[in-house]
Protein backbone atom coordinates (compact mmCIF):
# COMPACT_ATOMS: atom_id res chain seq x y z
CA MET A 1 -36.92 -74.19 -35.15
CA VAL A 2 -33.52 -74.64 -34.58
CA LYS A 3 -30.91 -77.32 -35.86
CA SER A 4 -30.86 -78.76 -32.40
CA LYS A 5 -34.33 -79.70 -31.59
CA ILE A 6 -35.03 -81.33 -35.24
CA ILE A 7 -32.33 -84.06 -34.30
CA LYS A 8 -33.75 -84.30 -31.12
CA LYS A 9 -37.62 -84.67 -32.34
CA LEU A 10 -36.10 -87.30 -35.05
CA ASN A 11 -34.36 -88.85 -32.01
CA GLN A 12 -37.47 -89.48 -31.22
CA LYS A 13 -39.32 -91.04 -33.76
CA HIS A 14 -36.82 -93.18 -34.93
CA ALA A 15 -34.68 -94.23 -31.40
CA TYR A 16 -33.06 -96.63 -33.16
CA LEU A 17 -30.64 -94.00 -34.88
CA LYS A 18 -28.22 -92.61 -32.41
CA LEU A 19 -27.84 -88.95 -32.42
CA SER A 20 -24.39 -88.54 -34.16
CA HIS A 21 -26.34 -90.29 -37.00
CA ILE A 22 -29.00 -88.11 -37.53
CA GLU A 23 -26.48 -85.53 -37.12
CA ASN A 24 -24.63 -86.79 -40.37
CA ILE A 25 -27.41 -87.18 -41.97
CA PHE A 26 -28.97 -83.84 -41.49
CA ASN A 27 -25.60 -81.95 -42.32
CA SER A 28 -25.26 -83.87 -45.37
CA ILE A 29 -28.87 -83.40 -46.16
CA PHE A 30 -28.12 -79.37 -45.90
CA GLN A 31 -24.45 -79.79 -47.68
CA ILE A 32 -25.52 -81.40 -50.86
CA VAL A 33 -28.28 -78.73 -51.02
CA THR A 34 -26.23 -75.70 -50.05
CA SER A 35 -23.30 -76.93 -52.83
CA ASN A 36 -26.67 -77.93 -55.65
CA ILE A 37 -27.55 -73.62 -55.07
CA LEU A 38 -23.97 -72.67 -55.62
CA LYS A 39 -24.19 -74.31 -58.83
CA ASN A 40 -27.47 -72.73 -59.78
CA ARG A 41 -29.37 -75.57 -59.76
CA ALA A 42 -32.72 -75.53 -58.69
CA ILE A 43 -33.39 -78.57 -55.42
CA GLU A 44 -37.02 -80.02 -55.15
CA LEU A 45 -38.44 -81.88 -52.13
CA ARG A 46 -41.30 -83.80 -53.19
CA GLY A 47 -44.32 -81.64 -51.19
CA PHE A 48 -42.40 -79.24 -49.61
CA GLY A 49 -41.02 -77.25 -51.89
CA ARG A 50 -38.32 -75.67 -54.47
CA PHE A 51 -35.17 -73.78 -54.01
CA SER A 52 -33.44 -72.05 -55.98
CA THR A 53 -31.60 -68.76 -56.85
CA LYS A 54 -32.17 -65.78 -58.83
CA ILE A 55 -29.71 -63.04 -60.05
CA ILE A 56 -30.75 -59.66 -58.92
CA LYS A 57 -29.06 -56.82 -61.62
CA ALA A 58 -26.65 -54.47 -61.11
CA LYS A 59 -27.91 -51.28 -60.06
CA TYR A 60 -26.78 -47.80 -61.70
CA ASN A 61 -28.84 -45.06 -59.84
CA ALA A 62 -29.97 -46.59 -56.64
CA ARG A 63 -29.79 -43.35 -53.98
CA ASN A 64 -28.80 -43.90 -50.20
CA PRO A 65 -31.75 -42.72 -48.24
CA ARG A 66 -29.44 -41.47 -45.68
CA THR A 67 -27.26 -38.47 -47.54
CA ASN A 68 -29.44 -38.89 -50.99
CA GLU A 69 -26.80 -39.54 -53.19
CA ILE A 70 -26.28 -42.00 -56.23
CA ILE A 71 -24.65 -45.60 -55.54
CA TYR A 72 -23.94 -48.16 -57.90
CA VAL A 73 -25.39 -51.46 -56.03
CA PRO A 74 -23.64 -54.79 -57.93
CA GLU A 75 -25.27 -57.47 -59.18
CA LYS A 76 -26.18 -60.65 -56.85
CA LYS A 77 -28.13 -63.54 -55.74
CA LYS A 78 -31.12 -64.41 -53.99
CA ILE A 79 -32.43 -67.63 -52.89
CA SER A 80 -35.58 -68.15 -54.18
CA PHE A 81 -38.59 -70.29 -52.55
CA LYS A 82 -41.60 -72.06 -54.01
CA MET A 83 -43.91 -73.61 -51.87
CA SER A 84 -45.58 -77.41 -53.00
CA LYS A 85 -48.89 -77.90 -53.45
CA HIS A 86 -49.75 -79.68 -50.56
CA LEU A 87 -47.65 -77.04 -48.39
CA LYS A 88 -49.81 -74.52 -48.98
CA LYS A 89 -53.16 -77.05 -48.67
CA GLU A 90 -51.81 -77.39 -45.17
CA ILE A 91 -50.67 -74.25 -43.54
CA ASN A 92 -54.29 -73.13 -44.86
CA LYS A 93 -56.19 -75.39 -43.13
CA LYS A 94 -58.78 -74.30 -41.08
């Protein structure tokens, strides 16, 4: 689902709010999440999950699969998501 559809669904559920207000709230939430992840702080949304950053170590002897030459891959960060128990139960319902 894309951002515009989420905003429209929220507007249907909360008709007393304008679309522009909902979009501002939506953007503010993700701006806060992004800024905290950039500061290496974990974000926990109760009942949904936890976002955190993980550092992938540099690789000094990685290989390019096309040319088979040894290359250096620098250290980088990635976002890790761990879903909550509640979300896990909801997903696995039959």
